[in-house]
Amino acid sequence: MNNKCMCTSKNTEICCPSDEKLRKVWLLDLEKEHDPLRQTSKEIAWKLKLLANSHRIEILLMLEQREHCMDEMARKLKAKKSSVSYHLMMLEKNGMICKIKRSRFAFYSLSVNGEKTLSLFRN
């Protein structure tokens, strides 16, 4: 019997245990080792979905320059206020922007998380 594992040329006892009990433990350890990667990949995929909308990216870029109120952003985006409000809610919910209330107006600014996210896409 060949004692080499076909996947990485290691001994089968180390890489792919043939003993059924050892194999179960080995597989459980593999799952535990991979769980953080799975969670991180889900978080990255969610952020990419969040940024898959050009209005949300434009909002982040506007807020990178300075804070804006929703009316300003709606006018610049040539979009309905309800649409801009939805995008702002999504960005705020995911920690990309901050909202500051002043009198009856809300002003939005880029959060540290939003700055980090934008910096990922810069050259």
N, C-alpha and C. Protein backbone atom coordinates (compact mmCIF):
# COMPACT_ATOMS: atom_id res chain seq x y z
N MET A 1 0.84 -1.20 0.00
CA MET A 1 0.00 0.00 0.00
C MET A 1 0.88 1.25 0.00
N ASN A 2 0.52 2.21 -0.81
CA ASN A 2 1.26 3.46 -0.89
C ASN A 2 0.97 4.28 0.36
N ASN A 3 2.01 4.73 1.05
CA ASN A 3 1.85 5.47 2.30
C ASN A 3 1.88 6.98 2.07
N LYS A 4 1.75 7.41 0.84
CA LYS A 4 1.77 8.85 0.53
C LYS A 4 0.35 9.33 0.26
N CYS A 5 0.04 10.49 0.78
CA CYS A 5 -1.26 11.13 0.52
C CYS A 5 -1.18 11.79 -0.85
N MET A 6 -2.17 11.61 -1.67
CA MET A 6 -2.15 12.15 -3.02
C MET A 6 -2.28 13.67 -3.05
N CYS A 7 -2.86 14.26 -1.99
CA CYS A 7 -3.11 15.70 -2.03
C CYS A 7 -1.87 16.54 -1.77
N THR A 8 -1.03 16.15 -0.84
CA THR A 8 0.13 17.00 -0.52
C THR A 8 1.42 16.22 -0.33
N SER A 9 1.42 14.97 -0.72
CA SER A 9 2.61 14.11 -0.62
C SER A 9 3.10 13.96 0.82
N LYS A 10 2.20 14.00 1.77
CA LYS A 10 2.56 13.77 3.18
C LYS A 10 2.15 12.35 3.54
N ASN A 11 2.59 11.91 4.68
CA ASN A 11 2.15 10.61 5.17
C ASN A 11 0.67 10.64 5.44
N THR A 12 -0.02 9.58 5.12
CA THR A 12 -1.47 9.55 5.29
C THR A 12 -1.86 9.68 6.76
N GLU A 13 -1.03 9.21 7.67
CA GLU A 13 -1.38 9.30 9.09
C GLU A 13 -1.43 10.76 9.55
N ILE A 14 -0.62 11.61 8.94
CA ILE A 14 -0.58 13.01 9.32
C ILE A 14 -1.67 13.81 8.61
N CYS A 15 -1.78 13.61 7.31
CA CYS A 15 -2.69 14.43 6.51
C CYS A 15 -4.11 13.88 6.44
N CYS A 16 -4.24 12.62 6.14
CA CYS A 16 -5.56 12.01 5.98
C CYS A 16 -5.59 10.70 6.75
N PRO A 17 -5.85 10.75 8.04
CA PRO A 17 -5.78 9.52 8.84
C PRO A 17 -6.72 8.43 8.33
N SER A 18 -6.19 7.22 8.26
CA SER A 18 -7.02 6.10 7.80
C SER A 18 -7.83 5.49 8.93
N ASP A 19 -7.35 5.60 10.17
CA ASP A 19 -8.10 5.10 11.32
C ASP A 19 -9.38 5.92 11.46
N GLU A 20 -10.51 5.26 11.56
CA GLU A 20 -11.83 5.94 11.55
C GLU A 20 -11.98 6.93 12.72
N LYS A 21 -11.55 6.55 13.91
CA LYS A 21 -11.67 7.46 15.06
C LYS A 21 -10.77 8.68 14.89
N LEU A 22 -9.54 8.45 14.49
CA LEU A 22 -8.62 9.57 14.26
C LEU A 22 -9.13 10.47 13.14
N ARG A 23 -9.72 9.88 12.12
CA ARG A 23 -10.25 10.66 11.00
C ARG A 23 -11.38 11.57 11.44
N LYS A 24 -12.27 11.08 12.29
CA LYS A 24 -13.38 11.90 12.79
C LYS A 24 -12.85 13.10 13.58
N VAL A 25 -11.88 12.85 14.45
CA VAL A 25 -11.27 13.94 15.23
C VAL A 25 -10.58 14.92 14.30
N TRP A 26 -9.86 14.39 13.33
CA TRP A 26 -9.15 15.22 12.36
C TRP A 26 -10.13 16.10 11.58
N LEU A 27 -11.26 15.53 11.14
CA LEU A 27 -12.26 16.29 10.39
C LEU A 27 -12.91 17.37 11.26
N LEU A 28 -13.18 17.05 12.52
CA LEU A 28 -13.74 18.05 13.45
C LEU A 28 -12.75 19.20 13.66
N ASP A 29 -11.48 18.86 13.80
CA ASP A 29 -10.45 19.90 13.96
C ASP A 29 -10.36 20.78 12.71
N LEU A 30 -10.49 20.16 11.55
CA LEU A 30 -10.47 20.94 10.31
C LEU A 30 -11.63 21.94 10.27
N GLU A 31 -12.81 21.48 10.68
CA GLU A 31 -13.98 22.36 10.70
C GLU A 31 -13.78 23.53 11.67
N LYS A 32 -13.27 23.24 12.87
CA LYS A 32 -13.03 24.30 13.85
C LYS A 32 -12.00 25.30 13.34
N GLU A 33 -10.99 24.79 12.66
CA GLU A 33 -9.94 25.65 12.11
C GLU A 33 -10.50 26.56 11.01
N HIS A 34 -11.46 26.05 10.27
CA HIS A 34 -11.99 26.80 9.12
C HIS A 34 -13.12 27.76 9.49
N ASP A 35 -13.78 27.59 10.61
CA ASP A 35 -14.92 28.44 11.00
C ASP A 35 -14.62 29.94 10.94
N PRO A 36 -13.48 30.43 11.49
CA PRO A 36 -13.22 31.87 11.40
C PRO A 36 -13.10 32.36 9.95
N LEU A 37 -12.54 31.54 9.08
CA LEU A 37 -12.42 31.91 7.67
C LEU A 37 -13.79 32.02 7.02
N ARG A 38 -14.66 31.09 7.36
CA ARG A 38 -16.02 31.11 6.82
C ARG A 38 -16.75 32.38 7.26
N GLN A 39 -16.61 32.73 8.52
CA GLN A 39 -17.27 33.94 9.04
C GLN A 39 -16.71 35.19 8.37
N THR A 40 -15.40 35.25 8.23
CA THR A 40 -14.77 36.40 7.58
C THR A 40 -15.21 36.51 6.12
N SER A 41 -15.30 35.39 5.43
CA SER A 41 -15.73 35.43 4.03
C SER A 41 -17.16 35.92 3.91
N LYS A 42 -18.02 35.56 4.85
CA LYS A 42 -19.41 36.05 4.83
C LYS A 42 -19.46 37.56 5.06
N GLU A 43 -18.63 38.05 5.98
CA GLU A 43 -18.58 39.49 6.25
C GLU A 43 -18.08 40.26 5.03
N ILE A 44 -17.05 39.74 4.37
CA ILE A 44 -16.53 40.39 3.17
C ILE A 44 -17.57 40.39 2.07
N ALA A 45 -18.24 39.26 1.88
CA ALA A 45 -19.29 39.18 0.85
C ALA A 45 -20.40 40.18 1.13
N TRP A 46 -20.78 40.32 2.41
CA TRP A 46 -21.83 41.28 2.76
C TRP A 46 -21.40 42.71 2.44
N LYS A 47 -20.15 43.04 2.77
CA LYS A 47 -19.66 44.39 2.47
C LYS A 47 -19.62 44.65 0.97
N LEU A 48 -19.22 43.64 0.21
CA LEU A 48 -19.20 43.79 -1.24
C LEU A 48 -20.62 43.99 -1.79
N LYS A 49 -21.59 43.28 -1.23
CA LYS A 49 -22.98 43.48 -1.64
C LYS A 49 -23.44 44.89 -1.29
N LEU A 50 -23.05 45.36 -0.13
CA LEU A 50 -23.40 46.71 0.30
C LEU A 50 -22.83 47.74 -0.65
N LEU A 51 -21.61 47.50 -1.12
CA LEU A 51 -20.94 48.44 -2.01
C LEU A 51 -21.24 48.18 -3.50
N ALA A 52 -22.10 47.24 -3.78
CA ALA A 52 -22.42 46.91 -5.17
C ALA A 52 -23.40 47.91 -5.78
N ASN A 53 -23.77 48.94 -5.04
CA ASN A 53 -24.70 49.95 -5.52
C ASN A 53 -23.94 51.25 -5.73
N SER A 54 -24.04 51.81 -6.94
CA SER A 54 -23.25 53.01 -7.26
C SER A 54 -23.67 54.21 -6.41
N HIS A 55 -24.96 54.31 -6.03
CA HIS A 55 -25.37 55.43 -5.18
C HIS A 55 -24.70 55.37 -3.81
N ARG A 56 -24.58 54.17 -3.25
CA ARG A 56 -23.93 54.05 -1.94
C ARG A 56 -22.45 54.42 -2.04
N ILE A 57 -21.81 54.01 -3.12
CA ILE A 57 -20.40 54.37 -3.30
C ILE A 57 -20.27 55.88 -3.46
N GLU A 58 -21.15 56.48 -4.26
CA GLU A 58 -21.12 57.94 -4.44
C GLU A 58 -21.33 58.66 -3.12
N ILE A 59 -22.24 58.15 -2.30
CA ILE A 59 -22.49 58.75 -0.99
C ILE A 59 -21.22 58.71 -0.15
N LEU A 60 -20.55 57.56 -0.13
CA LEU A 60 -19.31 57.45 0.63
C LEU A 60 -18.26 58.42 0.11
N LEU A 61 -18.17 58.54 -1.19
CA LEU A 61 -17.19 59.46 -1.78
C LEU A 61 -17.52 60.92 -1.45
N MET A 62 -18.81 61.26 -1.45
CA MET A 62 -19.22 62.62 -1.07
C MET A 62 -18.85 62.91 0.38
N LEU A 63 -19.12 61.91 1.24
CA LEU A 63 -18.86 62.10 2.67
C LEU A 63 -17.37 62.07 2.98
N GLU A 64 -16.59 61.52 2.07
CA GLU A 64 -15.15 61.56 2.24
C GLU A 64 -14.65 63.01 2.11
N GLN A 65 -15.32 63.81 1.28
CA GLN A 65 -14.93 65.21 1.09
C GLN A 65 -15.36 66.07 2.27
N ARG A 66 -16.63 65.90 2.69
CA ARG A 66 -17.16 66.68 3.82
C ARG A 66 -18.50 66.08 4.23
N GLU A 67 -19.04 66.56 5.36
CA GLU A 67 -20.35 66.07 5.77
C GLU A 67 -21.43 66.70 4.89
N HIS A 68 -22.53 65.97 4.74
CA HIS A 68 -23.65 66.42 3.92
C HIS A 68 -24.95 66.10 4.64
N CYS A 69 -25.99 66.86 4.30
CA CYS A 69 -27.34 66.49 4.73
C CYS A 69 -27.98 65.69 3.59
N MET A 70 -29.08 65.04 3.89
CA MET A 70 -29.72 64.19 2.91
C MET A 70 -30.20 64.98 1.69
N ASP A 71 -30.71 66.18 1.89
CA ASP A 71 -31.18 66.99 0.77
C ASP A 71 -30.06 67.26 -0.23
N GLU A 72 -28.88 67.60 0.27
CA GLU A 72 -27.73 67.84 -0.61
C GLU A 72 -27.40 66.60 -1.43
N MET A 73 -27.36 65.46 -0.74
CA MET A 73 -27.01 64.22 -1.43
C MET A 73 -28.05 63.84 -2.46
N ALA A 74 -29.33 64.03 -2.14
CA ALA A 74 -30.40 63.70 -3.08
C ALA A 74 -30.28 64.56 -4.34
N ARG A 75 -29.98 65.83 -4.13
CA ARG A 75 -29.83 66.75 -5.28
C ARG A 75 -28.62 66.35 -6.13
N LYS A 76 -27.49 66.06 -5.48
CA LYS A 76 -26.29 65.69 -6.22
C LYS A 76 -26.46 64.36 -6.96
N LEU A 77 -27.16 63.42 -6.33
CA LEU A 77 -27.37 62.11 -6.94
C LEU A 77 -28.50 62.11 -7.96
N LYS A 78 -29.29 63.20 -7.96
CA LYS A 78 -30.49 63.28 -8.80
C LYS A 78 -31.39 62.08 -8.52
N ALA A 79 -31.61 61.87 -7.22
CA ALA A 79 -32.41 60.73 -6.77
C ALA A 79 -33.48 61.20 -5.80
N LYS A 80 -34.49 60.37 -5.61
CA LYS A 80 -35.55 60.69 -4.65
C LYS A 80 -35.00 60.62 -3.24
N LYS A 81 -35.54 61.47 -2.37
CA LYS A 81 -35.09 61.48 -0.97
C LYS A 81 -35.33 60.14 -0.31
N SER A 82 -36.44 59.47 -0.66
CA SER A 82 -36.72 58.17 -0.05
C SER A 82 -35.64 57.14 -0.43
N SER A 83 -35.16 57.22 -1.65
CA SER A 83 -34.11 56.31 -2.11
C SER A 83 -32.80 56.60 -1.36
N VAL A 84 -32.45 57.88 -1.28
CA VAL A 84 -31.22 58.28 -0.57
C VAL A 84 -31.31 57.90 0.90
N SER A 85 -32.49 58.10 1.47
CA SER A 85 -32.70 57.74 2.87
C SER A 85 -32.45 56.25 3.10
N TYR A 86 -32.92 55.43 2.18
CA TYR A 86 -32.71 53.98 2.28
C TYR A 86 -31.21 53.65 2.23
N HIS A 87 -30.49 54.25 1.29
CA HIS A 87 -29.05 53.99 1.17
C HIS A 87 -28.30 54.47 2.41
N LEU A 88 -28.70 55.62 2.94
CA LEU A 88 -28.06 56.13 4.15
C LEU A 88 -28.31 55.18 5.33
N MET A 89 -29.54 54.68 5.41
CA MET A 89 -29.87 53.74 6.49
C MET A 89 -29.01 52.48 6.40
N MET A 90 -28.83 51.96 5.18
CA MET A 90 -28.00 50.76 4.99
C MET A 90 -26.54 51.03 5.37
N LEU A 91 -26.02 52.17 4.95
CA LEU A 91 -24.63 52.50 5.26
C LEU A 91 -24.43 52.74 6.76
N GLU A 92 -25.39 53.40 7.38
CA GLU A 92 -25.29 53.66 8.82
C GLU A 92 -25.41 52.36 9.62
N LYS A 93 -26.34 51.53 9.22
CA LYS A 93 -26.55 50.24 9.90
C LYS A 93 -25.29 49.37 9.86
N ASN A 94 -24.51 49.50 8.80
CA ASN A 94 -23.30 48.70 8.65
C ASN A 94 -22.03 49.43 9.06
N GLY A 95 -22.20 50.57 9.74
CA GLY A 95 -21.08 51.26 10.35
C GLY A 95 -20.18 52.02 9.39
N MET A 96 -20.67 52.31 8.19
CA MET A 96 -19.85 53.03 7.21
C MET A 96 -19.94 54.54 7.39
N ILE A 97 -21.06 55.01 7.93
CA ILE A 97 -21.26 56.45 8.10
C ILE A 97 -21.81 56.73 9.50
N CYS A 98 -21.71 58.00 9.89
CA CYS A 98 -22.25 58.47 11.16
C CYS A 98 -23.29 59.54 10.89
N LYS A 99 -24.29 59.61 11.74
CA LYS A 99 -25.35 60.62 11.61
C LYS A 99 -25.31 61.51 12.84
N ILE A 100 -25.32 62.84 12.59
CA ILE A 100 -25.32 63.82 13.67
C ILE A 100 -26.55 64.70 13.48
N LYS A 101 -27.37 64.79 14.52
CA LYS A 101 -28.58 65.64 14.46
C LYS A 101 -28.22 67.04 14.90
N ARG A 102 -28.61 68.02 14.09
CA ARG A 102 -28.46 69.43 14.44
C ARG A 102 -29.79 70.10 14.16
N SER A 103 -30.43 70.55 15.21
CA SER A 103 -31.76 71.14 15.13
C SER A 103 -32.68 70.13 14.45
N ARG A 104 -33.28 70.48 13.35
CA ARG A 104 -34.20 69.53 12.71
C ARG A 104 -33.55 68.78 11.54
N PHE A 105 -32.27 69.01 11.32
CA PHE A 105 -31.56 68.38 10.21
C PHE A 105 -30.59 67.31 10.72
N ALA A 106 -30.37 66.31 9.88
CA ALA A 106 -29.36 65.28 10.16
C ALA A 106 -28.23 65.44 9.17
N PHE A 107 -27.02 65.43 9.68
CA PHE A 107 -25.84 65.53 8.83
C PHE A 107 -25.08 64.22 8.92
N TYR A 108 -24.57 63.80 7.80
CA TYR A 108 -23.88 62.52 7.71
C TYR A 108 -22.41 62.74 7.42
N SER A 109 -21.60 61.89 8.02
CA SER A 109 -20.15 61.94 7.78
C SER A 109 -19.63 60.51 7.66
N LEU A 110 -18.46 60.39 7.11
CA LEU A 110 -17.83 59.09 6.92
C LEU A 110 -17.25 58.60 8.24
N SER A 111 -17.51 57.36 8.58
CA SER A 111 -16.95 56.80 9.81
C SER A 111 -15.56 56.25 9.53
N VAL A 112 -14.86 55.88 10.57
CA VAL A 112 -13.53 55.28 10.42
C VAL A 112 -13.63 54.01 9.59
N ASN A 113 -14.67 53.22 9.84
CA ASN A 113 -14.89 51.99 9.08
C ASN A 113 -15.12 52.32 7.60
N GLY A 114 -15.86 53.37 7.32
CA GLY A 114 -16.09 53.80 5.95
C GLY A 114 -14.80 54.25 5.28
N GLU A 115 -13.96 54.97 6.03
CA GLU A 115 -12.66 55.41 5.50
C GLU A 115 -11.79 54.20 5.15
N LYS A 116 -11.76 53.22 6.05
CA LYS A 116 -10.96 52.01 5.81
C LYS A 116 -11.47 51.28 4.58
N THR A 117 -12.78 51.18 4.44
CA THR A 117 -13.37 50.48 3.30
C THR A 117 -13.01 51.17 2.00
N LEU A 118 -13.14 52.49 1.96
CA LEU A 118 -12.78 53.23 0.75
C LEU A 118 -11.30 53.08 0.42
N SER A 119 -10.47 53.06 1.45
CA SER A 119 -9.02 52.96 1.21
C SER A 119 -8.64 51.62 0.58
N LEU A 120 -9.45 50.61 0.76
CA LEU A 120 -9.18 49.30 0.14
C LEU A 120 -9.24 49.37 -1.37
N PHE A 121 -10.01 50.32 -1.90
CA PHE A 121 -10.22 50.41 -3.33
C PHE A 121 -9.34 51.46 -4.00
N ARG A 122 -8.49 52.09 -3.25
CA ARG A 122 -7.57 53.09 -3.80
C ARG A 122 -6.31 52.40 -4.28
N ASN A 123 -5.66 52.97 -5.26
CA ASN A 123 -4.40 52.39 -5.77
C ASN A 123 -3.30 52.51 -4.76
